[in-house]
Structure formats: C-alpha cells, structure tokens
C-alpha atoms as a PDB file:
ATOM      1  CA  MET A   1     -17.312   2.474  -8.100  1.00  0.00           C
ATOM      2  CA  ARG A   2     -17.061   5.448  -5.832  1.00  0.00           C
ATOM      3  CA  CYS A   3     -19.741   7.987  -5.606  1.00  0.00           C
ATOM      4  CA  GLU A   4     -18.521  10.597  -8.065  1.00  0.00           C
ATOM      5  CA  THR A   5     -21.215  13.133  -7.227  1.00  0.00           C
ATOM      6  CA  LEU A   6     -20.190  13.186  -3.565  1.00  0.00           C
ATOM      7  CA  MET A   7     -16.459  13.445  -4.430  1.00  0.00           C
ATOM      8  CA  MET A   8     -16.971  16.150  -7.033  1.00  0.00           C
ATOM      9  CA  CYS A   9     -18.947  18.197  -4.424  1.00  0.00           C
ATOM     10  CA  LEU A  10     -15.987  17.839  -2.098  1.00  0.00           C
ATOM     11  CA  LEU A  11     -13.461  18.812  -4.709  1.00  0.00           C
ATOM     12  CA  THR A  12     -15.524  21.883  -5.801  1.00  0.00           C
ATOM     13  CA  PHE A  13     -15.685  22.943  -2.090  1.00  0.00           C
ATOM     14  CA  LEU A  14     -11.853  22.691  -1.790  1.00  0.00           C
ATOM     15  CA  LEU A  15     -11.181  24.625  -4.970  1.00  0.00           C
ATOM     16  CA  LEU A  16     -13.674  27.463  -4.454  1.00  0.00           C
ATOM     17  CA  SER A  17     -13.569  27.966  -0.779  1.00  0.00           C
ATOM     18  CA  CYS A  18     -10.896  30.268   0.623  1.00  0.00           C
ATOM     19  CA  SER A  19     -11.076  28.985   4.183  1.00  0.00           C
ATOM     20  CA  GLY A  20     -11.176  25.488   5.780  1.00  0.00           C
ATOM     21  CA  GLY A  21     -14.283  24.164   7.410  1.00  0.00           C
ATOM     22  CA  GLN A  22     -15.515  21.217   9.447  1.00  0.00           C
ATOM     23  CA  GLN A  23     -16.070  17.972   7.572  1.00  0.00           C
ATOM     24  CA  ALA A  24     -18.449  15.077   8.362  1.00  0.00           C
ATOM     25  CA  GLN A  25     -20.100  14.882  11.612  1.00  0.00           C
ATOM     26  CA  THR A  26     -19.027  15.989  15.078  1.00  0.00           C
ATOM     27  CA  VAL A  27     -19.216  14.057  18.230  1.00  0.00           C
ATOM     28  CA  ASN A  28     -19.297  15.226  21.791  1.00  0.00           C
ATOM     29  CA  LYS A  29     -17.104  13.299  24.198  1.00  0.00           C
ATOM     30  CA  LYS A  30     -16.272  14.792  27.583  1.00  0.00           C
ATOM     31  CA  LYS A  31     -17.390  18.197  26.275  1.00  0.00           C
ATOM     32  CA  LYS A  32     -14.765  18.055  23.496  1.00  0.00           C
ATOM     33  CA  VAL A  33     -15.965  18.361  19.966  1.00  0.00           C
ATOM     34  CA  LEU A  34     -14.329  15.912  17.623  1.00  0.00           C
ATOM     35  CA  ALA A  35     -14.400  17.039  13.933  1.00  0.00           C
ATOM     36  CA  PHE A  36     -12.080  17.216  10.931  1.00  0.00           C
ATOM     37  CA  GLN A  37     -11.073  20.645   9.776  1.00  0.00           C
ATOM     38  CA  LEU A  38      -9.793  21.174   6.266  1.00  0.00           C
ATOM     39  CA  PRO A  39      -6.684  23.428   5.954  1.00  0.00           C
ATOM     40  CA  GLU A  40      -7.316  27.032   5.136  1.00  0.00           C
ATOM     41  CA  VAL A  41      -6.143  27.696   1.617  1.00  0.00           C
ATOM     42  CA  PRO A  42      -4.030  30.952   1.140  1.00  0.00           C
ATOM     43  CA  VAL A  43      -5.922  33.627  -0.726  1.00  0.00           C
ATOM     44  CA  MET A  44      -2.955  34.135  -3.132  1.00  0.00           C
ATOM     45  CA  LEU A  45      -3.508  30.691  -4.547  1.00  0.00           C
ATOM     46  CA  GLN A  46      -6.114  31.260  -7.227  1.00  0.00           C
ATOM     47  CA  GLN A  47      -5.384  28.388  -9.773  1.00  0.00           C
ATOM     48  CA  ALA A  48      -7.480  25.222  -9.202  1.00  0.00           C
ATOM     49  CA  GLU A  49      -4.408  22.990  -9.419  1.00  0.00           C
ATOM     50  CA  GLU A  50      -2.512  25.123  -6.980  1.00  0.00           C
ATOM     51  CA  ARG A  51      -5.328  25.049  -4.451  1.00  0.00           C
ATOM     52  CA  LEU A  52      -5.819  21.225  -4.856  1.00  0.00           C
ATOM     53  CA  ASN A  53      -2.130  20.690  -4.288  1.00  0.00           C
ATOM     54  CA  TYR A  54      -2.075  22.834  -1.173  1.00  0.00           C
ATOM     55  CA  VAL A  55      -5.054  20.986   0.337  1.00  0.00           C
ATOM     56  CA  VAL A  56      -3.473  17.595  -0.356  1.00  0.00           C
ATOM     57  CA  GLN A  57      -0.086  18.614   1.138  1.00  0.00           C
ATOM     58  CA  HIS A  58      -1.734  20.139   4.280  1.00  0.00           C
ATOM     59  CA  TYR A  59      -4.747  18.009   4.637  1.00  0.00           C
ATOM     60  CA  TRP A  60      -3.887  16.675   8.082  1.00  0.00           C
ATOM     61  CA  ASP A  61      -2.378  19.890   9.550  1.00  0.00           C
ATOM     62  CA  ASN A  62      -5.385  20.408  11.977  1.00  0.00           C
ATOM     63  CA  PHE A  63      -5.689  16.729  12.976  1.00  0.00           C
ATOM     64  CA  ASP A  64      -4.340  15.479  16.316  1.00  0.00           C
ATOM     65  CA  PHE A  65      -2.768  12.111  15.623  1.00  0.00           C
ATOM     66  CA  LYS A  66      -2.091  11.717  19.412  1.00  0.00           C
ATOM     67  CA  ASP A  67      -5.792  11.826  20.239  1.00  0.00           C
ATOM     68  CA  THR A  68      -6.973   8.225  20.029  1.00  0.00           C
ATOM     69  CA  ALA A  69     -10.612   9.397  20.527  1.00  0.00           C
ATOM     70  CA  TYR A  70     -10.656   9.979  16.853  1.00  0.00           C
ATOM     71  CA  ILE A  71     -10.391   6.183  16.294  1.00  0.00           C
ATOM     72  CA  HIS A  72     -13.967   5.717  17.620  1.00  0.00           C
ATOM     73  CA  VAL A  73     -15.632   8.318  15.285  1.00  0.00           C
ATOM     74  CA  PRO A  74     -15.489   6.765  11.799  1.00  0.00           C
ATOM     75  CA  ASP A  75     -17.966   9.357  10.547  1.00  0.00           C
ATOM     76  CA  VAL A  76     -15.167  11.885  11.150  1.00  0.00           C
ATOM     77  CA  THR A  77     -11.878  10.123  10.734  1.00  0.00           C
ATOM     78  CA  GLU A  78     -12.664   7.317   8.308  1.00  0.00           C
ATOM     79  CA  GLN A  79     -14.738   9.776   6.114  1.00  0.00           C
ATOM     80  CA  ALA A  80     -11.825  12.231   6.119  1.00  0.00           C
ATOM     81  CA  LEU A  81      -9.438   9.437   5.057  1.00  0.00           C
ATOM     82  CA  VAL A  82     -11.751   8.246   2.188  1.00  0.00           C
ATOM     83  CA  ASN A  83     -12.049  11.823   0.922  1.00  0.00           C
ATOM     84  CA  TYR A  84      -8.189  12.172   1.172  1.00  0.00           C
ATOM     85  CA  ILE A  85      -7.742   9.054  -0.957  1.00  0.00           C
ATOM     86  CA  ASP A  86      -9.900  10.543  -3.659  1.00  0.00           C
ATOM     87  CA  LEU A  87      -7.931  13.790  -3.604  1.00  0.00           C
ATOM     88  CA  LEU A  88      -4.626  11.786  -3.940  1.00  0.00           C
ATOM     89  CA  THR A  89      -5.799  10.181  -7.164  1.00  0.00           C
ATOM     90  CA  ARG A  90      -5.957  13.791  -8.657  1.00  0.00           C
ATOM     91  CA  VAL A  91      -2.373  14.874  -8.001  1.00  0.00           C
ATOM     92  CA  PRO A  92       0.907  13.599  -9.399  1.00  0.00           C
ATOM     93  CA  MET A  93       1.962  10.257  -7.957  1.00  0.00           C
ATOM     94  CA  GLU A  94       5.207  11.712  -6.658  1.00  0.00           C
ATOM     95  CA  MET A  95       3.255  14.291  -4.528  1.00  0.00           C
ATOM     96  CA  ALA A  96       0.925  11.495  -3.458  1.00  0.00           C
ATOM     97  CA  ASP A  97       3.802   9.290  -2.406  1.00  0.00           C
ATOM     98  CA  THR A  98       5.414  12.069  -0.337  1.00  0.00           C
ATOM     99  CA  CYS A  99       2.094  13.109   1.300  1.00  0.00           C
ATOM    100  CA  LEU A 100       1.225   9.418   2.238  1.00  0.00           C
ATOM    101  CA  THR A 101       4.589   8.809   3.699  1.00  0.00           C
ATOM    102  CA  ARG A 102       4.327  12.026   5.820  1.00  0.00           C
ATOM    103  CA  THR A 103       0.938  11.092   6.985  1.00  0.00           C
ATOM    104  CA  ILE A 104       1.917   7.669   8.214  1.00  0.00           C
ATOM    105  CA  ARG A 105       4.981   9.052   9.968  1.00  0.00           C
ATOM    106  CA  ARG A 106       2.752  11.438  11.805  1.00  0.00           C
ATOM    107  CA  SER A 107       0.393   8.662  12.842  1.00  0.00           C
ATOM    108  CA  MET A 108       3.348   6.781  14.336  1.00  0.00           C
ATOM    109  CA  GLN A 109       3.286   9.333  17.202  1.00  0.00           C
ATOM    110  CA  GLU A 110       0.702   7.055  18.805  1.00  0.00           C
ATOM    111  CA  THR A 111       0.753   3.185  18.280  1.00  0.00           C
ATOM    112  CA  LYS A 112      -3.042   2.823  18.263  1.00  0.00           C
ATOM    113  CA  MET A 113      -3.500   5.634  15.717  1.00  0.00           C
ATOM    114  CA  GLU A 114      -0.817   4.112  13.531  1.00  0.00           C
ATOM    115  CA  GLU A 115      -2.573   0.776  13.496  1.00  0.00           C
ATOM    116  CA  TYR A 116      -5.937   2.494  12.853  1.00  0.00           C
ATOM    117  CA  MET A 117      -4.699   4.644   9.898  1.00  0.00           C
ATOM    118  CA  THR A 118      -2.615   1.903   8.251  1.00  0.00           C
ATOM    119  CA  GLY A 119      -5.499  -0.501   8.655  1.00  0.00           C
ATOM    120  CA  LEU A 120      -7.817   1.942   6.910  1.00  0.00           C
ATOM    121  CA  PHE A 121      -5.444   2.636   3.983  1.00  0.00           C
ATOM    122  CA  HIS A 122      -4.908  -1.142   3.622  1.00  0.00           C
ATOM    123  CA  ARG A 123      -8.678  -1.825   3.591  1.00  0.00           C
ATOM    124  CA  TYR A 124      -9.451   0.841   1.037  1.00  0.00           C
ATOM    125  CA  LEU A 125      -6.419   0.646  -1.190  1.00  0.00           C
ATOM    126  CA  MET A 126      -5.535  -3.116  -1.093  1.00  0.00           C
ATOM    127  CA  ASP A 127      -8.758  -5.056  -0.512  1.00  0.00           C
ATOM    128  CA  PRO A 128      -9.875  -6.699  -3.904  1.00  0.00           C
ATOM    129  CA  ASN A 129     -13.470  -5.618  -3.130  1.00  0.00           C
ATOM    130  CA  SER A 130     -12.787  -1.968  -2.413  1.00  0.00           C
ATOM    131  CA  PRO A 131     -14.104   0.508  -5.110  1.00  0.00           C
ATOM    132  CA  LEU A 132     -11.136   2.693  -4.159  1.00  0.00           C
ATOM    133  CA  ARG A 133      -8.550   0.019  -4.538  1.00  0.00           C
ATOM    134  CA  CYS A 134      -5.167   1.366  -5.859  1.00  0.00           C
ATOM    135  CA  GLU A 135      -2.042  -0.648  -5.164  1.00  0.00           C
ATOM    136  CA  GLU A 136       0.186   2.177  -6.407  1.00  0.00           C
ATOM    137  CA  LEU A 137      -1.182   4.579  -3.771  1.00  0.00           C
ATOM    138  CA  TYR A 138      -0.735   1.986  -1.001  1.00  0.00           C
ATOM    139  CA  GLU A 139       2.939   1.241  -2.087  1.00  0.00           C
ATOM    140  CA  PRO A 140       4.487   4.156  -0.040  1.00  0.00           C
ATOM    141  CA  VAL A 141       2.577   3.013   3.043  1.00  0.00           C
ATOM    142  CA  ALA A 142       3.826  -0.504   2.596  1.00  0.00           C
ATOM    143  CA  ARG A 143       7.351   0.672   1.731  1.00  0.00           C
ATOM    144  CA  LEU A 144       7.429   2.674   4.975  1.00  0.00           C
ATOM    145  CA  MET A 145       6.048  -0.178   7.051  1.00  0.00           C
ATOM    146  CA  SER A 146       8.249  -2.761   5.768  1.00  0.00           C
ATOM    147  CA  ASN A 147      11.071  -1.227   7.734  1.00  0.00           C
ATOM    148  CA  HIS A 148       8.961  -1.167  10.930  1.00  0.00           C
ATOM    149  CA  PRO A 149      10.699  -2.370  14.154  1.00  0.00           C
ATOM    150  CA  ASP A 150       7.676  -4.653  14.714  1.00  0.00           C
ATOM    151  CA  LEU A 151       8.538  -7.793  12.853  1.00  0.00           C
ATOM    152  CA  VAL A 152       4.880  -8.810  12.351  1.00  0.00           C
ATOM    153  CA  LYS A 153       4.056  -5.426  10.710  1.00  0.00           C
ATOM    154  CA  SER A 154       7.172  -5.358   8.541  1.00  0.00           C
ATOM    155  CA  SER A 155       6.612  -8.880   7.405  1.00  0.00           C
ATOM    156  CA  LYS A 156       3.046  -8.115   6.433  1.00  0.00           C
ATOM    157  CA  ALA A 157       4.091  -4.936   4.557  1.00  0.00           C
ATOM    158  CA  GLN A 158       6.882  -6.873   2.735  1.00  0.00           C
ATOM    159  CA  HIS A 159       4.162  -9.380   1.630  1.00  0.00           C
ATOM    160  CA  ASP A 160       2.094  -6.477   0.324  1.00  0.00           C
ATOM    161  CA  LEU A 161       4.991  -5.020  -1.669  1.00  0.00           C
ATOM    162  CA  ARG A 162       5.501  -8.427  -3.375  1.00  0.00           C
ATOM    163  CA  LEU A 163       1.925  -8.341  -4.447  1.00  0.00           C
ATOM    164  CA  ILE A 164       2.064  -4.818  -5.620  1.00  0.00           C
ATOM    165  CA  ASN A 165       5.093  -5.595  -7.772  1.00  0.00           C
ATOM    166  CA  LEU A 166       3.564  -8.763  -9.172  1.00  0.00           C
ATOM    167  CA  ASN A 167       2.313  -8.068 -12.709  1.00  0.00           C
ATOM    168  CA  ARG A 168       2.193  -4.353 -11.990  1.00  0.00           C
ATOM    169  CA  ARG A 169       1.078  -1.923 -14.724  1.00  0.00           C
ATOM    170  CA  GLY A 170       3.676  -1.341 -17.392  1.00  0.00           C
ATOM    171  CA  THR A 171       5.448  -4.703 -16.767  1.00  0.00           C
ATOM    172  CA  LEU A 172       5.344  -7.855 -18.858  1.00  0.00           C
ATOM    173  CA  ALA A 173       2.568 -10.058 -17.602  1.00  0.00           C
ATOM    174  CA  ASN A 174       3.801 -13.491 -16.267  1.00  0.00           C
ATOM    175  CA  ASP A 175       3.424 -16.179 -18.950  1.00  0.00           C
ATOM    176  CA  PHE A 176       1.566 -19.446 -18.312  1.00  0.00           C
ATOM    177  CA  VAL A 177       0.265 -22.530 -19.969  1.00  0.00           C
ATOM    178  CA  TYR A 178      -3.452 -22.890 -20.392  1.00  0.00           C
ATOM    179  CA  THR A 179      -5.304 -26.051 -21.331  1.00  0.00           C
ATOM    180  CA  LEU A 180      -8.422 -26.258 -23.485  1.00  0.00           C
ATOM    181  CA  TYR A 181     -11.174 -28.841 -23.299  1.00  0.00           C
ATOM    182  CA  GLY A 182      -9.714 -31.900 -24.986  1.00  0.00           C
ATOM    183  CA  GLY A 183      -6.228 -31.364 -23.717  1.00  0.00           C
ATOM    184  CA  THR A 184      -4.622 -28.895 -26.166  1.00  0.00           C
ATOM    185  CA  GLN A 185      -2.218 -26.584 -24.488  1.00  0.00           C
ATOM    186  CA  HIS A 186      -1.010 -23.104 -25.478  1.00  0.00           C
ATOM    187  CA  ARG A 187       1.015 -20.305 -23.976  1.00  0.00           C
ATOM    188  CA  MET A 188      -0.686 -17.051 -23.044  1.00  0.00           C
ATOM    189  CA  HIS A 189       2.146 -14.953 -24.550  1.00  0.00           C
ATOM    190  CA  GLN A 190       1.528 -16.522 -27.971  1.00  0.00           C
ATOM    191  CA  LEU A 191      -2.025 -15.042 -28.179  1.00  0.00           C
ATOM    192  CA  LYS A 192      -2.086 -12.574 -31.124  1.00  0.00           C
ATOM    193  CA  ALA A 193      -4.295  -9.447 -30.544  1.00  0.00           C
ATOM    194  CA  ASP A 194      -4.044  -5.769 -30.007  1.00  0.00           C
ATOM    195  CA  TYR A 195      -5.445  -6.317 -26.482  1.00  0.00           C
ATOM    196  CA  THR A 196      -5.801  -9.541 -24.338  1.00  0.00           C
ATOM    197  CA  ILE A 197      -8.278  -9.757 -21.457  1.00  0.00           C
ATOM    198  CA  LEU A 198      -7.434 -12.250 -18.843  1.00  0.00           C
ATOM    199  CA  PHE A 199     -10.506 -13.449 -16.894  1.00  0.00           C
ATOM    200  CA  PHE A 200      -9.625 -15.639 -13.847  1.00  0.00           C
ATOM    201  CA  TYR A 201     -12.804 -17.133 -12.420  1.00  0.00           C
ATOM    202  CA  ASN A 202     -14.391 -19.861 -10.253  1.00  0.00           C
ATOM    203  CA  PRO A 203     -17.791 -21.290 -11.320  1.00  0.00           C
ATOM    204  CA  ASP A 204     -18.888 -21.376  -7.622  1.00  0.00           C
ATOM    205  CA  CYS A 205     -18.113 -17.722  -7.242  1.00  0.00           C
ATOM    206  CA  GLU A 206     -21.298 -15.503  -7.038  1.00  0.00           C
ATOM    207  CA  THR A 207     -19.401 -12.386  -7.931  1.00  0.00           C
ATOM    208  CA  CYS A 208     -17.823 -14.169 -10.873  1.00  0.00           C
ATOM    209  CA  ALA A 209     -21.272 -15.035 -12.119  1.00  0.00           C
ATOM    210  CA  GLU A 210     -22.411 -11.334 -11.900  1.00  0.00           C
ATOM    211  CA  VAL A 211     -19.309 -10.009 -13.665  1.00  0.00           C
ATOM    212  CA  LEU A 212     -19.717 -12.876 -16.244  1.00  0.00           C
ATOM    213  CA  LYS A 213     -23.345 -11.715 -16.939  1.00  0.00           C
ATOM    214  CA  GLN A 214     -22.205  -8.132 -17.402  1.00  0.00           C
ATOM    215  CA  MET A 215     -19.555  -9.152 -19.833  1.00  0.00           C
ATOM    216  CA  LYS A 216     -21.829 -11.425 -21.792  1.00  0.00           C
ATOM    217  CA  GLN A 217     -24.355  -8.577 -22.281  1.00  0.00           C
ATOM    218  CA  SER A 218     -21.693  -6.050 -23.318  1.00  0.00           C
ATOM    219  CA  VAL A 219     -22.384  -5.235 -26.927  1.00  0.00           C
ATOM    220  CA  SER A 220     -18.979  -3.538 -27.072  1.00  0.00           C
ATOM    221  CA  LEU A 221     -17.090  -6.636 -25.964  1.00  0.00           C
ATOM    222  CA  ASN A 222     -18.943  -8.781 -28.474  1.00  0.00           C
ATOM    223  CA  ASP A 223     -18.137  -6.404 -31.273  1.00  0.00           C
ATOM    224  CA  TRP A 224     -14.449  -6.296 -30.230  1.00  0.00           C
ATOM    225  CA  LEU A 225     -14.174 -10.036 -30.099  1.00  0.00           C
ATOM    226  CA  ALA A 226     -15.776 -10.369 -33.472  1.00  0.00           C
ATOM    227  CA  GLY A 227     -13.346  -7.806 -34.980  1.00  0.00           C
ATOM    228  CA  LYS A 228     -10.318  -9.924 -33.735  1.00  0.00           C
ATOM    229  CA  HIS A 229      -8.671  -6.938 -32.070  1.00  0.00           C
ATOM    230  CA  VAL A 230      -9.310  -8.293 -28.711  1.00  0.00           C
ATOM    231  CA  LYS A 231      -9.055 -11.793 -27.340  1.00  0.00           C
ATOM    232  CA  LEU A 232     -10.486 -12.919 -24.110  1.00  0.00           C
ATOM    233  CA  LEU A 233      -8.822 -15.756 -22.226  1.00  0.00           C
ATOM    234  CA  ALA A 234     -10.975 -17.146 -19.365  1.00  0.00           C
ATOM    235  CA  VAL A 235      -8.953 -19.302 -16.969  1.00  0.00           C
ATOM    236  CA  TYR A 236     -10.079 -21.569 -14.132  1.00  0.00           C
ATOM    237  CA  PRO A 237      -7.037 -21.797 -11.857  1.00  0.00           C
ATOM    238  CA  GLU A 238      -8.175 -24.297  -9.264  1.00  0.00           C
ATOM    239  CA  GLU A 239      -8.264 -28.081  -9.015  1.00  0.00           C
ATOM    240  CA  GLU A 240     -11.938 -29.214  -9.544  1.00  0.00           C
ATOM    241  CA  TYR A 241     -11.764 -30.123 -13.263  1.00  0.00           C
ATOM    242  CA  LYS A 242     -15.211 -31.568 -13.272  1.00  0.00           C
ATOM    243  CA  LEU A 243     -16.669 -28.335 -11.929  1.00  0.00           C
ATOM    244  CA  TRP A 244     -15.036 -26.370 -14.657  1.00  0.00           C
ATOM    245  CA  GLU A 245     -16.113 -28.948 -17.409  1.00  0.00           C
ATOM    246  CA  ALA A 246     -19.758 -28.730 -16.222  1.00  0.00           C
ATOM    247  CA  TYR A 247     -19.612 -24.992 -16.466  1.00  0.00           C
ATOM    248  CA  ARG A 248     -18.075 -24.737 -19.902  1.00  0.00           C
ATOM    249  CA  SER A 249     -21.436 -23.972 -21.563  1.00  0.00           C
ATOM    250  CA  GLN A 250     -21.972 -20.806 -19.600  1.00  0.00           C
ATOM    251  CA  LEU A 251     -19.088 -19.054 -21.417  1.00  0.00           C
ATOM    252  CA  PRO A 252     -19.536 -17.608 -24.947  1.00  0.00           C
ATOM    253  CA  GLU A 253     -17.972 -19.473 -27.763  1.00  0.00           C
ATOM    254  CA  THR A 254     -16.045 -16.374 -28.792  1.00  0.00           C
ATOM    255  CA  TRP A 255     -14.080 -16.636 -25.574  1.00  0.00           C
ATOM    256  CA  ILE A 256     -11.094 -18.877 -25.077  1.00  0.00           C
ATOM    257  CA  ASN A 257     -12.286 -21.166 -22.160  1.00  0.00           C
ATOM    258  CA  SER A 258      -9.409 -22.819 -20.338  1.00  0.00           C
ATOM    259  CA  TYR A 259      -8.027 -24.207 -17.154  1.00  0.00           C
ATOM    260  CA  ASP A 260      -4.712 -24.486 -15.426  1.00  0.00           C
ATOM    261  CA  LYS A 261      -3.940 -28.250 -15.630  1.00  0.00           C
ATOM    262  CA  GLU A 262      -0.758 -28.044 -13.561  1.00  0.00           C
ATOM    263  CA  HIS A 263      -2.167 -25.399 -11.161  1.00  0.00           C
ATOM    264  CA  LYS A 264       0.920 -23.407 -11.517  1.00  0.00           C
ATOM    265  CA  LEU A 265      -0.950 -20.126 -11.353  1.00  0.00           C
ATOM    266  CA  LEU A 266      -1.712 -20.763  -7.719  1.00  0.00           C
ATOM    267  CA  TYR A 267       1.188 -22.947  -6.612  1.00  0.00           C
ATOM    268  CA  ASP A 268       3.947 -20.710  -8.197  1.00  0.00           C
ATOM    269  CA  GLY A 269       2.143 -17.514  -7.310  1.00  0.00           C
ATOM    270  CA  LEU A 270       2.291 -16.160 -10.939  1.00  0.00           C
ATOM    271  CA  TYR A 271      -0.813 -14.012 -10.233  1.00  0.00           C
ATOM    272  CA  ASP A 272      -2.487 -12.623  -7.184  1.00  0.00           C
ATOM    273  CA  LEU A 273      -5.781 -14.618  -7.095  1.00  0.00           C
ATOM    274  CA  LYS A 274      -6.713 -14.286  -3.544  1.00  0.00           C
ATOM    275  CA  ALA A 275     -10.057 -12.997  -4.678  1.00  0.00           C
ATOM    276  CA  MET A 276     -12.004 -13.796  -7.844  1.00  0.00           C
ATOM    277  CA  PRO A 277     -12.884 -12.879 -10.532  1.00  0.00           C
ATOM    278  CA  SER A 278      -9.640 -11.166 -11.380  1.00  0.00           C
ATOM    279  CA  LEU A 279      -9.470  -9.231 -14.555  1.00  0.00           C
ATOM    280  CA  TYR A 280      -6.320  -7.941 -16.468  1.00  0.00           C
ATOM    281  CA  LEU A 281      -5.964  -5.998 -19.640  1.00  0.00           C
ATOM    282  CA  LEU A 282      -2.738  -6.560 -21.663  1.00  0.00           C
ATOM    283  CA  ASP A 283      -1.452  -4.899 -24.701  1.00  0.00           C
ATOM    284  CA  ARG A 284      -0.142  -6.322 -27.974  1.00  0.00           C
ATOM    285  CA  ASP A 285       3.232  -7.193 -26.279  1.00  0.00           C
ATOM    286  CA  LYS A 286       1.486  -8.684 -23.158  1.00  0.00           C
ATOM    287  CA  LYS A 287       2.372  -5.722 -20.968  1.00  0.00           C
ATOM    288  CA  VAL A 288      -0.153  -5.009 -18.210  1.00  0.00           C
ATOM    289  CA  LEU A 289      -2.333  -1.980 -18.842  1.00  0.00           C
ATOM    290  CA  LEU A 290      -4.862  -2.714 -16.008  1.00  0.00           C
ATOM    291  CA  LYS A 291      -4.308  -4.959 -13.150  1.00  0.00           C
ATOM    292  CA  ASP A 292      -7.093  -6.724 -11.286  1.00  0.00           C
ATOM    293  CA  ALA A 293      -9.483  -4.219 -12.617  1.00  0.00           C
ATOM    294  CA  PHE A 294     -13.265  -3.895 -12.606  1.00  0.00           C
ATOM    295  CA  TRP A 295     -15.015  -4.794 -15.872  1.00  0.00           C
ATOM    296  CA  GLY A 296     -16.154  -1.257 -16.129  1.00  0.00           C
ATOM    297  CA  GLN A 297     -12.588   0.047 -15.980  1.00  0.00           C
ATOM    298  CA  ILE A 298     -11.530  -2.324 -18.861  1.00  0.00           C
ATOM    299  CA  GLN A 299     -14.491  -1.513 -21.033  1.00  0.00           C
ATOM    300  CA  GLU A 300     -13.936   2.215 -20.604  1.00  0.00           C
ATOM    301  CA  TYR A 301     -10.157   1.888 -21.369  1.00  0.00           C
ATOM    302  CA  LEU A 302     -10.953   0.081 -24.629  1.00  0.00           C
ATOM    303  CA  LYS A 303     -13.680   2.484 -25.634  1.00  0.00           C
ATOM    304  CA  ASN A 304     -11.164   5.406 -25.110  1.00  0.00           C
ATOM    305  CA  ASN A 305      -8.502   3.743 -27.292  1.00  0.00           C
ATOM    306  CA  SER A 306     -10.323   3.648 -30.626  1.00  0.00           C
ATOM    307  CA  LEU A 307     -11.692   0.121 -30.627  1.00  0.00           C
END
C-alpha cells in the first residue's frame, strides 16, 4: 500500500502551513527553475477540513499546463500528481469529481500535457498493480475523455468506463456457474454466508502464489471460515484444466476450490480479469463491497465489521 508516513507528513504540512511552498525537487533548464508550488491557504480558513478542501480545489493554480518542460521532470510533476491523488481520497467524491474534471480540462491546453496527465492518472488509478488504484477516482477522467474528438482516445476511455461499471461497488455481482473437482456444478449466488470472498487465480501466477501464502497464513481468515460467517470461493477461469487439477492440493480444504468449465468468465466478460489474482468481497446478498481489492483491504474490512 502507499507510504502512509510520507502522505501524512504532506497532509500535516498542508493543514498547518498558512502559505504554499515548493514541493519535490527543482530542476534547472535554460536558467528556469521548474518546481511545483502549493496554493497559499487564506489565513481565515482555520478548520482542517476547510484548509484541505481549499488545497484540493486550488492545487494546480500555480502550475503552467502549457509548459511541456514539466513532462520531463517526474520528480516534480509526477510526485505532485501522486500527492494530489492521495488528497483526493480525503475529500467528498463530488468534490474530487469536479476537481479532476477541471484539472484534465486545463491540461487540454497543450496536447502533450494532456496525454502526459491522463496517462499518469490511468497508470496510478486503473493499473491493477498500482497501490493507489481507485476506479471511482478515474471515472471523471474517463468520462471526460470518452467525448474526446480523437476517436482513439475516446474509444479507450469508453472501454475504461465499461470496466469501471463492471461489478462496481454497491451493485449486484455477476453470477456464474463454478465446477468442483468431480464435475459438480453450483451457482455463485447460491452460496449462503454473511460474506463471500471471490479469489480468481492462476496456478502459474507468482503474485497469486504470494497472495495465496498470505491468505493461508491468516489466522483471522481461518477463524472466519471455521465460523461459517465467511465463504471463500477460489476460481480458476482459464482453460488448462490439468494445471488446475495438479494445483488443487495447494489450496486449503476450507476453501471452495473450483474452475470455470465453460470459460464464461473470460469469454463473456463477466469480470475484469486482465490481471490476477483478483479479489472481491461480497455481502450476504452478493452485492460488491470491495472490487479487485488487495487481500489486506479485505481483511481490514472484515475485522472492522465485527467478525
């Protein structure tokens, strides 16, 4: 996950300081100093929430979106964007939506800057391996870009919007049939438990093996499964049945170990499985609580909900 110490230091600076300062490193290029300057917070704003909201809304006020030299100093520009994402997670989603839309519109003053900024937002908010991944935050960016006059850019953004809306939090998770060793089949929606963990994996995936190890060693998970409040459905969605069969013994007996015999998960696009493992947490009614989450996020959620 992201470095909480670094981010909390940044947040403390924003909330306690009355004046903006320079952030990250500076770079000399043709005698011009390239730096990122935070907005100066008005003295009359004394409440922490007020100051945070002001900084988020005015974060890019001192940044020249027309100066493409900033593209070549990631220690300044990219670090500023990463810190901005962290701050966006601390304000209401409506405010974050408005601020992101305004930021992308300003970047459109210069084509190269637009491509750079949207590329960074996509990498940090949509990449499955990004510790800052948050599809809801990327949605306003994709929504704006989906109407871009460049058909390639608009098509890509429309694809991202489809993935964002696929099994999004708060919606009913797509149902599917899973097959057990021996051929018995069941529907995911028929599982009875307060919480259901979906674990899509591939035996050849090194990251899957690492996450599997963490989950097997989790005392909390073992207790939850023994108490019957949680069920864990592990699903192999690809075609190499013999690979799955040979790997069966690696999964605990308390897990439901299955595979997708008809390959509908992939062929019908029922879930976004471009990267594995992919973990989901569902409630009693099979509504999505956490989508494509890290194991630590799921474990923390369950610990905080009286299990």
